[in-house]
Structure formats: structure tokens, C-alpha cells
Amino acid sequence: MDFEIVYLIAIGAVAGWLGSLLFKGKGSGLIINVVLGVLGAVVGNWLFDKLNISLGTGALLSSIIKASIGAFVVLWIWSFFGGGRRRS
């Protein structure tokens, strides 16, 4: 197994969990946290690049911070469009 995939999953899990904690006060489960973290990493990297923000921390910490903020943004956008709301 490629180590980069393991690294991506681990960062995604941590970032998704942190993003969920920031947004709704609890995690969303391992699979959802990984997916949320990976999406968050894409959104976070894009957002930080567009805003021309550079984190002067180590690569691991920088990745987790960007992905967590991105996961929060993904959750916020999802909730804005009614995601996760049960329909009757």
C-alpha cells in the first residue's frame, strides 16, 4: 500500500473530525470524517491559495489546519443548502 494514501486518510480523518467538532460539536464517524477531511483539504488549500495566506508551520500541522478549516467550510455550505436536514 502506498504510504501517501495512508497519510491522506490519516490527515483526512483528523481534519474531518476537527472540522465536525468546530461546526457541530461532535464527530461524524470515521468514514464521513475521512471524506470530509479530504474534501476539506481540497477546499482549504484552494481557499488559502486564493487568499494568499501561508502558514509558517510544519507541513503536517499546516495540512491539518488547512483541511480542518476547509472541512468547516464544506459543512457550512452543506448546511446552507439544507444538507443533512430530514425531509418529512
PDB file of N, CA and C in Angstrom:
ATOM      1  N   MET A   1       0.844  -1.179   0.000  1.00  0.00           N
ATOM      2  CA  MET A   1       0.000   0.000   0.000  1.00  0.00           C
ATOM      3  C   MET A   1       0.890   1.243   0.000  1.00  0.00           C
ATOM      4  N   ASP A   2       0.539   2.200  -0.803  1.00  0.00           N
ATOM      5  CA  ASP A   2       1.298   3.428  -0.924  1.00  0.00           C
ATOM      6  C   ASP A   2       1.159   4.266   0.348  1.00  0.00           C
ATOM      7  N   PHE A   3       2.276   4.735   0.884  1.00  0.00           N
ATOM      8  CA  PHE A   3       2.265   5.484   2.133  1.00  0.00           C
ATOM      9  C   PHE A   3       1.524   6.815   1.997  1.00  0.00           C
ATOM     10  N   GLU A   4       1.523   7.413   0.802  1.00  0.00           N
ATOM     11  CA  GLU A   4       0.807   8.673   0.593  1.00  0.00           C
ATOM     12  C   GLU A   4      -0.696   8.511   0.807  1.00  0.00           C
ATOM     13  N   ILE A   5      -1.239   7.380   0.441  1.00  0.00           N
ATOM     14  CA  ILE A   5      -2.668   7.122   0.638  1.00  0.00           C
ATOM     15  C   ILE A   5      -2.975   7.012   2.127  1.00  0.00           C
ATOM     16  N   VAL A   6      -2.122   6.320   2.863  1.00  0.00           N
ATOM     17  CA  VAL A   6      -2.301   6.209   4.310  1.00  0.00           C
ATOM     18  C   VAL A   6      -2.210   7.591   4.959  1.00  0.00           C
ATOM     19  N   TYR A   7      -1.239   8.387   4.528  1.00  0.00           N
ATOM     20  CA  TYR A   7      -1.064   9.751   5.023  1.00  0.00           C
ATOM     21  C   TYR A   7      -2.309  10.592   4.727  1.00  0.00           C
ATOM     22  N   LEU A   8      -2.840  10.501   3.518  1.00  0.00           N
ATOM     23  CA  LEU A   8      -4.030  11.249   3.126  1.00  0.00           C
ATOM     24  C   LEU A   8      -5.236  10.846   3.968  1.00  0.00           C
ATOM     25  N   ILE A   9      -5.417   9.559   4.192  1.00  0.00           N
ATOM     26  CA  ILE A   9      -6.539   9.080   5.000  1.00  0.00           C
ATOM     27  C   ILE A   9      -6.399   9.552   6.446  1.00  0.00           C
ATOM     28  N   ALA A  10      -5.188   9.478   6.987  1.00  0.00           N
ATOM     29  CA  ALA A  10      -4.964   9.907   8.377  1.00  0.00           C
ATOM     30  C   ALA A  10      -5.210  11.410   8.530  1.00  0.00           C
ATOM     31  N   ILE A  11      -4.675  12.204   7.629  1.00  0.00           N
ATOM     32  CA  ILE A  11      -4.898  13.654   7.671  1.00  0.00           C
ATOM     33  C   ILE A  11      -6.383  13.936   7.488  1.00  0.00           C
ATOM     34  N   GLY A  12      -7.027  13.236   6.566  1.00  0.00           N
ATOM     35  CA  GLY A  12      -8.458  13.425   6.329  1.00  0.00           C
ATOM     36  C   GLY A  12      -9.296  13.100   7.545  1.00  0.00           C
ATOM     37  N   ALA A  13      -8.954  12.025   8.227  1.00  0.00           N
ATOM     38  CA  ALA A  13      -9.714  11.631   9.420  1.00  0.00           C
ATOM     39  C   ALA A  13      -9.589  12.678  10.516  1.00  0.00           C
ATOM     40  N   VAL A  14      -8.366  13.129  10.768  1.00  0.00           N
ATOM     41  CA  VAL A  14      -8.147  14.142  11.811  1.00  0.00           C
ATOM     42  C   VAL A  14      -8.809  15.455  11.430  1.00  0.00           C
ATOM     43  N   ALA A  15      -8.613  15.889  10.199  1.00  0.00           N
ATOM     44  CA  ALA A  15      -9.172  17.164   9.755  1.00  0.00           C
ATOM     45  C   ALA A  15     -10.696  17.131   9.715  1.00  0.00           C
ATOM     46  N   GLY A  16     -11.265  16.044   9.246  1.00  0.00           N
ATOM     47  CA  GLY A  16     -12.725  15.919   9.221  1.00  0.00           C
ATOM     48  C   GLY A  16     -13.312  15.919  10.617  1.00  0.00           C
ATOM     49  N   TRP A  17     -12.636  15.234  11.540  1.00  0.00           N
ATOM     50  CA  TRP A  17     -13.085  15.203  12.928  1.00  0.00           C
ATOM     51  C   TRP A  17     -13.011  16.593  13.545  1.00  0.00           C
ATOM     52  N   LEU A  18     -11.890  17.301  13.326  1.00  0.00           N
ATOM     53  CA  LEU A  18     -11.754  18.664  13.862  1.00  0.00           C
ATOM     54  C   LEU A  18     -12.776  19.614  13.241  1.00  0.00           C
ATOM     55  N   GLY A  19     -12.971  19.510  11.923  1.00  0.00           N
ATOM     56  CA  GLY A  19     -13.970  20.343  11.259  1.00  0.00           C
ATOM     57  C   GLY A  19     -15.368  20.083  11.795  1.00  0.00           C
ATOM     58  N   SER A  20     -15.703  18.813  12.025  1.00  0.00           N
ATOM     59  CA  SER A  20     -17.008  18.464  12.587  1.00  0.00           C
ATOM     60  C   SER A  20     -17.152  18.996  14.011  1.00  0.00           C
ATOM     61  N   LEU A  21     -16.080  18.890  14.793  1.00  0.00           N
ATOM     62  CA  LEU A  21     -16.121  19.418  16.162  1.00  0.00           C
ATOM     63  C   LEU A  21     -16.362  20.924  16.158  1.00  0.00           C
ATOM     64  N   LEU A  22     -15.666  21.630  15.264  1.00  0.00           N
ATOM     65  CA  LEU A  22     -15.825  23.083  15.184  1.00  0.00           C
ATOM     66  C   LEU A  22     -17.230  23.467  14.740  1.00  0.00           C
ATOM     67  N   PHE A  23     -17.789  22.697  13.807  1.00  0.00           N
ATOM     68  CA  PHE A  23     -19.072  23.074  13.228  1.00  0.00           C
ATOM     69  C   PHE A  23     -20.257  22.632  14.066  1.00  0.00           C
ATOM     70  N   LYS A  24     -20.247  21.381  14.517  1.00  0.00           N
ATOM     71  CA  LYS A  24     -21.431  20.883  15.209  1.00  0.00           C
ATOM     72  C   LYS A  24     -21.152  20.293  16.582  1.00  0.00           C
ATOM     73  N   GLY A  25     -19.937  20.383  17.054  1.00  0.00           N
ATOM     74  CA  GLY A  25     -19.630  19.967  18.411  1.00  0.00           C
ATOM     75  C   GLY A  25     -19.383  18.489  18.614  1.00  0.00           C
ATOM     76  N   LYS A  26     -19.407  17.700  17.533  1.00  0.00           N
ATOM     77  CA  LYS A  26     -19.128  16.267  17.636  1.00  0.00           C
ATOM     78  C   LYS A  26     -18.633  15.756  16.295  1.00  0.00           C
ATOM     79  N   GLY A  27     -17.985  14.599  16.331  1.00  0.00           N
ATOM     80  CA  GLY A  27     -17.502  13.978  15.107  1.00  0.00           C
ATOM     81  C   GLY A  27     -18.650  13.395  14.298  1.00  0.00           C
ATOM     82  N   SER A  28     -18.334  12.952  13.084  1.00  0.00           N
ATOM     83  CA  SER A  28     -19.369  12.420  12.198  1.00  0.00           C
ATOM     84  C   SER A  28     -19.167  10.954  11.869  1.00  0.00           C
ATOM     85  N   GLY A  29     -18.250  10.276  12.530  1.00  0.00           N
ATOM     86  CA  GLY A  29     -17.945   8.892  12.197  1.00  0.00           C
ATOM     87  C   GLY A  29     -16.713   8.835  11.306  1.00  0.00           C
ATOM     88  N   LEU A  30     -16.001   7.720  11.363  1.00  0.00           N
ATOM     89  CA  LEU A  30     -14.710   7.610  10.688  1.00  0.00           C
ATOM     90  C   LEU A  30     -14.791   7.840   9.180  1.00  0.00           C
ATOM     91  N   ILE A  31     -15.686   7.163   8.498  1.00  0.00           N
ATOM     92  CA  ILE A  31     -15.763   7.274   7.034  1.00  0.00           C
ATOM     93  C   ILE A  31     -16.142   8.691   6.618  1.00  0.00           C
ATOM     94  N   ILE A  32     -17.161   9.257   7.254  1.00  0.00           N
ATOM     95  CA  ILE A  32     -17.582  10.621   6.925  1.00  0.00           C
ATOM     96  C   ILE A  32     -16.471  11.607   7.245  1.00  0.00           C
ATOM     97  N   ASN A  33     -15.772  11.412   8.371  1.00  0.00           N
ATOM     98  CA  ASN A  33     -14.665  12.305   8.720  1.00  0.00           C
ATOM     99  C   ASN A  33     -13.547  12.261   7.687  1.00  0.00           C
ATOM    100  N   VAL A  34     -13.224  11.073   7.185  1.00  0.00           N
ATOM    101  CA  VAL A  34     -12.176  10.952   6.169  1.00  0.00           C
ATOM    102  C   VAL A  34     -12.602  11.659   4.888  1.00  0.00           C
ATOM    103  N   VAL A  35     -13.823  11.391   4.425  1.00  0.00           N
ATOM    104  CA  VAL A  35     -14.317  12.037   3.203  1.00  0.00           C
ATOM    105  C   VAL A  35     -14.376  13.549   3.390  1.00  0.00           C
ATOM    106  N   LEU A  36     -14.902  13.971   4.523  1.00  0.00           N
ATOM    107  CA  LEU A  36     -14.986  15.402   4.822  1.00  0.00           C
ATOM    108  C   LEU A  36     -13.604  16.033   4.887  1.00  0.00           C
ATOM    109  N   GLY A  37     -12.650  15.336   5.486  1.00  0.00           N
ATOM    110  CA  GLY A  37     -11.284  15.850   5.585  1.00  0.00           C
ATOM    111  C   GLY A  37     -10.597  15.967   4.238  1.00  0.00           C
ATOM    112  N   VAL A  38     -10.813  14.981   3.368  1.00  0.00           N
ATOM    113  CA  VAL A  38     -10.212  15.038   2.031  1.00  0.00           C
ATOM    114  C   VAL A  38     -10.832  16.180   1.228  1.00  0.00           C
ATOM    115  N   LEU A  39     -12.153  16.304   1.268  1.00  0.00           N
ATOM    116  CA  LEU A  39     -12.798  17.451   0.605  1.00  0.00           C
ATOM    117  C   LEU A  39     -12.335  18.758   1.229  1.00  0.00           C
ATOM    118  N   GLY A  40     -12.215  18.751   2.553  1.00  0.00           N
ATOM    119  CA  GLY A  40     -11.748  19.931   3.265  1.00  0.00           C
ATOM    120  C   GLY A  40     -10.335  20.324   2.876  1.00  0.00           C
ATOM    121  N   ALA A  41      -9.485  19.336   2.628  1.00  0.00           N
ATOM    122  CA  ALA A  41      -8.114  19.624   2.207  1.00  0.00           C
ATOM    123  C   ALA A  41      -8.098  20.326   0.853  1.00  0.00           C
ATOM    124  N   VAL A  42      -8.940  19.861  -0.055  1.00  0.00           N
ATOM    125  CA  VAL A  42      -9.021  20.497  -1.374  1.00  0.00           C
ATOM    126  C   VAL A  42      -9.530  21.928  -1.234  1.00  0.00           C
ATOM    127  N   VAL A  43     -10.624  22.097  -0.496  1.00  0.00           N
ATOM    128  CA  VAL A  43     -11.208  23.433  -0.304  1.00  0.00           C
ATOM    129  C   VAL A  43     -10.256  24.332   0.471  1.00  0.00           C
ATOM    130  N   GLY A  44      -9.661  23.809   1.542  1.00  0.00           N
ATOM    131  CA  GLY A  44      -8.749  24.603   2.362  1.00  0.00           C
ATOM    132  C   GLY A  44      -7.529  25.061   1.590  1.00  0.00           C
ATOM    133  N   ASN A  45      -6.917  24.160   0.828  1.00  0.00           N
ATOM    134  CA  ASN A  45      -5.747  24.549   0.024  1.00  0.00           C
ATOM    135  C   ASN A  45      -6.118  25.585  -1.019  1.00  0.00           C
ATOM    136  N   TRP A  46      -7.258  25.410  -1.662  1.00  0.00           N
ATOM    137  CA  TRP A  46      -7.709  26.378  -2.662  1.00  0.00           C
ATOM    138  C   TRP A  46      -7.965  27.736  -2.010  1.00  0.00           C
ATOM    139  N   LEU A  47      -8.651  27.722  -0.873  1.00  0.00           N
ATOM    140  CA  LEU A  47      -9.002  28.949  -0.167  1.00  0.00           C
ATOM    141  C   LEU A  47      -7.757  29.698   0.308  1.00  0.00           C
ATOM    142  N   PHE A  48      -6.827  28.982   0.926  1.00  0.00           N
ATOM    143  CA  PHE A  48      -5.604  29.628   1.405  1.00  0.00           C
ATOM    144  C   PHE A  48      -4.785  30.169   0.246  1.00  0.00           C
ATOM    145  N   ASP A  49      -4.780  29.459  -0.887  1.00  0.00           N
ATOM    146  CA  ASP A  49      -4.060  29.924  -2.071  1.00  0.00           C
ATOM    147  C   ASP A  49      -4.701  31.191  -2.635  1.00  0.00           C
ATOM    148  N   LYS A  50      -6.036  31.204  -2.740  1.00  0.00           N
ATOM    149  CA  LYS A  50      -6.734  32.376  -3.283  1.00  0.00           C
ATOM    150  C   LYS A  50      -6.598  33.598  -2.387  1.00  0.00           C
ATOM    151  N   LEU A  51      -6.573  33.370  -1.067  1.00  0.00           N
ATOM    152  CA  LEU A  51      -6.423  34.478  -0.126  1.00  0.00           C
ATOM    153  C   LEU A  51      -4.960  34.832   0.116  1.00  0.00           C
ATOM    154  N   ASN A  52      -4.065  34.103  -0.541  1.00  0.00           N
ATOM    155  CA  ASN A  52      -2.628  34.329  -0.432  1.00  0.00           C
ATOM    156  C   ASN A  52      -2.150  34.257   1.019  1.00  0.00           C
ATOM    157  N   ILE A  53      -2.645  33.243   1.748  1.00  0.00           N
ATOM    158  CA  ILE A  53      -2.276  33.031   3.142  1.00  0.00           C
ATOM    159  C   ILE A  53      -1.317  31.856   3.203  1.00  0.00           C
ATOM    160  N   SER A  54      -0.209  32.051   3.884  1.00  0.00           N
ATOM    161  CA  SER A  54       0.772  30.995   4.060  1.00  0.00           C
ATOM    162  C   SER A  54       0.940  30.726   5.554  1.00  0.00           C
ATOM    163  N   LEU A  55       0.856  29.462   5.933  1.00  0.00           N
ATOM    164  CA  LEU A  55       1.079  29.090   7.320  1.00  0.00           C
ATOM    165  C   LEU A  55       2.548  28.751   7.490  1.00  0.00           C
ATOM    166  N   GLY A  56       3.186  29.356   8.436  1.00  0.00           N
ATOM    167  CA  GLY A  56       4.612  29.156   8.633  1.00  0.00           C
ATOM    168  C   GLY A  56       4.939  27.964   9.507  1.00  0.00           C
ATOM    169  N   THR A  57       4.001  27.038   9.642  1.00  0.00           N
ATOM    170  CA  THR A  57       4.214  25.875  10.496  1.00  0.00           C
ATOM    171  C   THR A  57       4.727  24.707   9.671  1.00  0.00           C
ATOM    172  N   GLY A  58       4.980  23.587  10.316  1.00  0.00           N
ATOM    173  CA  GLY A  58       5.422  22.376   9.626  1.00  0.00           C
ATOM    174  C   GLY A  58       4.380  21.867   8.655  1.00  0.00           C
ATOM    175  N   ALA A  59       4.799  21.014   7.756  1.00  0.00           N
ATOM    176  CA  ALA A  59       3.912  20.523   6.700  1.00  0.00           C
ATOM    177  C   ALA A  59       2.722  19.752   7.266  1.00  0.00           C
ATOM    178  N   LEU A  60       2.936  18.919   8.271  1.00  0.00           N
ATOM    179  CA  LEU A  60       1.849  18.129   8.839  1.00  0.00           C
ATOM    180  C   LEU A  60       0.822  19.025   9.517  1.00  0.00           C
ATOM    181  N   LEU A  61       1.268  19.907  10.378  1.00  0.00           N
ATOM    182  CA  LEU A  61       0.362  20.813  11.087  1.00  0.00           C
ATOM    183  C   LEU A  61      -0.352  21.748  10.116  1.00  0.00           C
ATOM    184  N   SER A  62       0.364  22.259   9.148  1.00  0.00           N
ATOM    185  CA  SER A  62      -0.229  23.132   8.130  1.00  0.00           C
ATOM    186  C   SER A  62      -1.323  22.404   7.360  1.00  0.00           C
ATOM    187  N   SER A  63      -1.069  21.149   6.991  1.00  0.00           N
ATOM    188  CA  SER A  63      -2.066  20.354   6.259  1.00  0.00           C
ATOM    189  C   SER A  63      -3.318  20.138   7.094  1.00  0.00           C
ATOM    190  N   ILE A  64      -3.133  19.829   8.375  1.00  0.00           N
ATOM    191  CA  ILE A  64      -4.284  19.582   9.250  1.00  0.00           C
ATOM    192  C   ILE A  64      -5.090  20.855   9.445  1.00  0.00           C
ATOM    193  N   ILE A  65      -4.419  21.991   9.639  1.00  0.00           N
ATOM    194  CA  ILE A  65      -5.125  23.267   9.840  1.00  0.00           C
ATOM    195  C   ILE A  65      -5.918  23.649   8.597  1.00  0.00           C
ATOM    196  N   LYS A  66      -5.277  23.596   7.436  1.00  0.00           N
ATOM    197  CA  LYS A  66      -5.962  23.941   6.184  1.00  0.00           C
ATOM    198  C   LYS A  66      -7.140  23.013   5.921  1.00  0.00           C
ATOM    199  N   ALA A  67      -6.941  21.714   6.092  1.00  0.00           N
ATOM    200  CA  ALA A  67      -8.001  20.750   5.827  1.00  0.00           C
ATOM    201  C   ALA A  67      -9.148  20.893   6.829  1.00  0.00           C
ATOM    202  N   SER A  68      -8.835  21.199   8.085  1.00  0.00           N
ATOM    203  CA  SER A  68      -9.888  21.384   9.089  1.00  0.00           C
ATOM    204  C   SER A  68     -10.730  22.613   8.781  1.00  0.00           C
ATOM    205  N   ILE A  69     -10.083  23.694   8.409  1.00  0.00           N
ATOM    206  CA  ILE A  69     -10.825  24.899   8.030  1.00  0.00           C
ATOM    207  C   ILE A  69     -11.638  24.631   6.772  1.00  0.00           C
ATOM    208  N   GLY A  70     -11.055  23.921   5.823  1.00  0.00           N
ATOM    209  CA  GLY A  70     -11.795  23.546   4.617  1.00  0.00           C
ATOM    210  C   GLY A  70     -12.984  22.661   4.924  1.00  0.00           C
ATOM    211  N   ALA A  71     -12.828  21.713   5.860  1.00  0.00           N
ATOM    212  CA  ALA A  71     -13.936  20.844   6.256  1.00  0.00           C
ATOM    213  C   ALA A  71     -15.051  21.645   6.909  1.00  0.00           C
ATOM    214  N   PHE A  72     -14.686  22.621   7.725  1.00  0.00           N
ATOM    215  CA  PHE A  72     -15.675  23.506   8.333  1.00  0.00           C
ATOM    216  C   PHE A  72     -16.452  24.254   7.247  1.00  0.00           C
ATOM    217  N   VAL A  73     -15.745  24.762   6.249  1.00  0.00           N
ATOM    218  CA  VAL A  73     -16.391  25.489   5.148  1.00  0.00           C
ATOM    219  C   VAL A  73     -17.323  24.557   4.373  1.00  0.00           C
ATOM    220  N   VAL A  74     -16.876  23.327   4.112  1.00  0.00           N
ATOM    221  CA  VAL A  74     -17.722  22.349   3.412  1.00  0.00           C
ATOM    222  C   VAL A  74     -18.992  22.075   4.207  1.00  0.00           C
ATOM    223  N   LEU A  75     -18.861  21.870   5.513  1.00  0.00           N
ATOM    224  CA  LEU A  75     -20.039  21.637   6.359  1.00  0.00           C
ATOM    225  C   LEU A  75     -20.961  22.845   6.380  1.00  0.00           C
ATOM    226  N   TRP A  76     -20.390  24.028   6.427  1.00  0.00           N
ATOM    227  CA  TRP A  76     -21.198  25.245   6.445  1.00  0.00           C
ATOM    228  C   TRP A  76     -21.991  25.381   5.141  1.00  0.00           C
ATOM    229  N   ILE A  77     -21.322  25.170   4.023  1.00  0.00           N
ATOM    230  CA  ILE A  77     -22.002  25.249   2.723  1.00  0.00           C
ATOM    231  C   ILE A  77     -23.072  24.173   2.624  1.00  0.00           C
ATOM    232  N   TRP A  78     -22.755  22.953   3.082  1.00  0.00           N
ATOM    233  CA  TRP A  78     -23.717  21.849   3.052  1.00  0.00           C
ATOM    234  C   TRP A  78     -24.962  22.206   3.861  1.00  0.00           C
ATOM    235  N   SER A  79     -24.783  22.771   5.039  1.00  0.00           N
ATOM    236  CA  SER A  79     -25.924  23.127   5.888  1.00  0.00           C
ATOM    237  C   SER A  79     -26.709  24.302   5.304  1.00  0.00           C
ATOM    238  N   PHE A  80     -26.012  25.198   4.609  1.00  0.00           N
ATOM    239  CA  PHE A  80     -26.672  26.336   3.988  1.00  0.00           C
ATOM    240  C   PHE A  80     -27.673  25.890   2.934  1.00  0.00           C
ATOM    241  N   PHE A  81     -27.343  24.824   2.220  1.00  0.00           N
ATOM    242  CA  PHE A  81     -28.231  24.300   1.186  1.00  0.00           C
ATOM    243  C   PHE A  81     -29.155  23.213   1.709  1.00  0.00           C
ATOM    244  N   GLY A  82     -29.241  23.079   3.020  1.00  0.00           N
ATOM    245  CA  GLY A  82     -30.186  22.141   3.610  1.00  0.00           C
ATOM    246  C   GLY A  82     -29.681  20.729   3.743  1.00  0.00           C
ATOM    247  N   GLY A  83     -28.385  20.504   3.571  1.00  0.00           N
ATOM    248  CA  GLY A  83     -27.840  19.158   3.684  1.00  0.00           C
ATOM    249  C   GLY A  83     -27.981  18.630   5.108  1.00  0.00           C
ATOM    250  N   GLY A  84     -28.287  17.374   5.198  1.00  0.00           N
ATOM    251  CA  GLY A  84     -28.405  16.731   6.492  1.00  0.00           C
ATOM    252  C   GLY A  84     -29.751  16.947   7.178  1.00  0.00           C
ATOM    253  N   ARG A  85     -30.596  17.778   6.625  1.00  0.00           N
ATOM    254  CA  ARG A  85     -31.916  18.003   7.203  1.00  0.00           C
ATOM    255  C   ARG A  85     -32.867  16.918   6.730  1.00  0.00           C
ATOM    256  N   ARG A  86     -33.566  16.327   7.653  1.00  0.00           N
ATOM    257  CA  ARG A  86     -34.521  15.259   7.292  1.00  0.00           C
ATOM    258  C   ARG A  86     -35.770  15.857   6.683  1.00  0.00           C
ATOM    259  N   ARG A  87     -36.204  15.236   5.638  1.00  0.00           N
ATOM    260  CA  ARG A  87     -37.418  15.695   4.968  1.00  0.00           C
ATOM    261  C   ARG A  87     -38.591  14.830   5.419  1.00  0.00           C
ATOM    262  N   SER A  88     -39.757  15.441   5.612  1.00  0.00           N
ATOM    263  CA  SER A  88     -40.943  14.695   6.046  1.00  0.00           C
ATOM    264  C   SER A  88     -41.804  14.313   4.870  1.00  0.00           C
TER     265      SER A  88
END
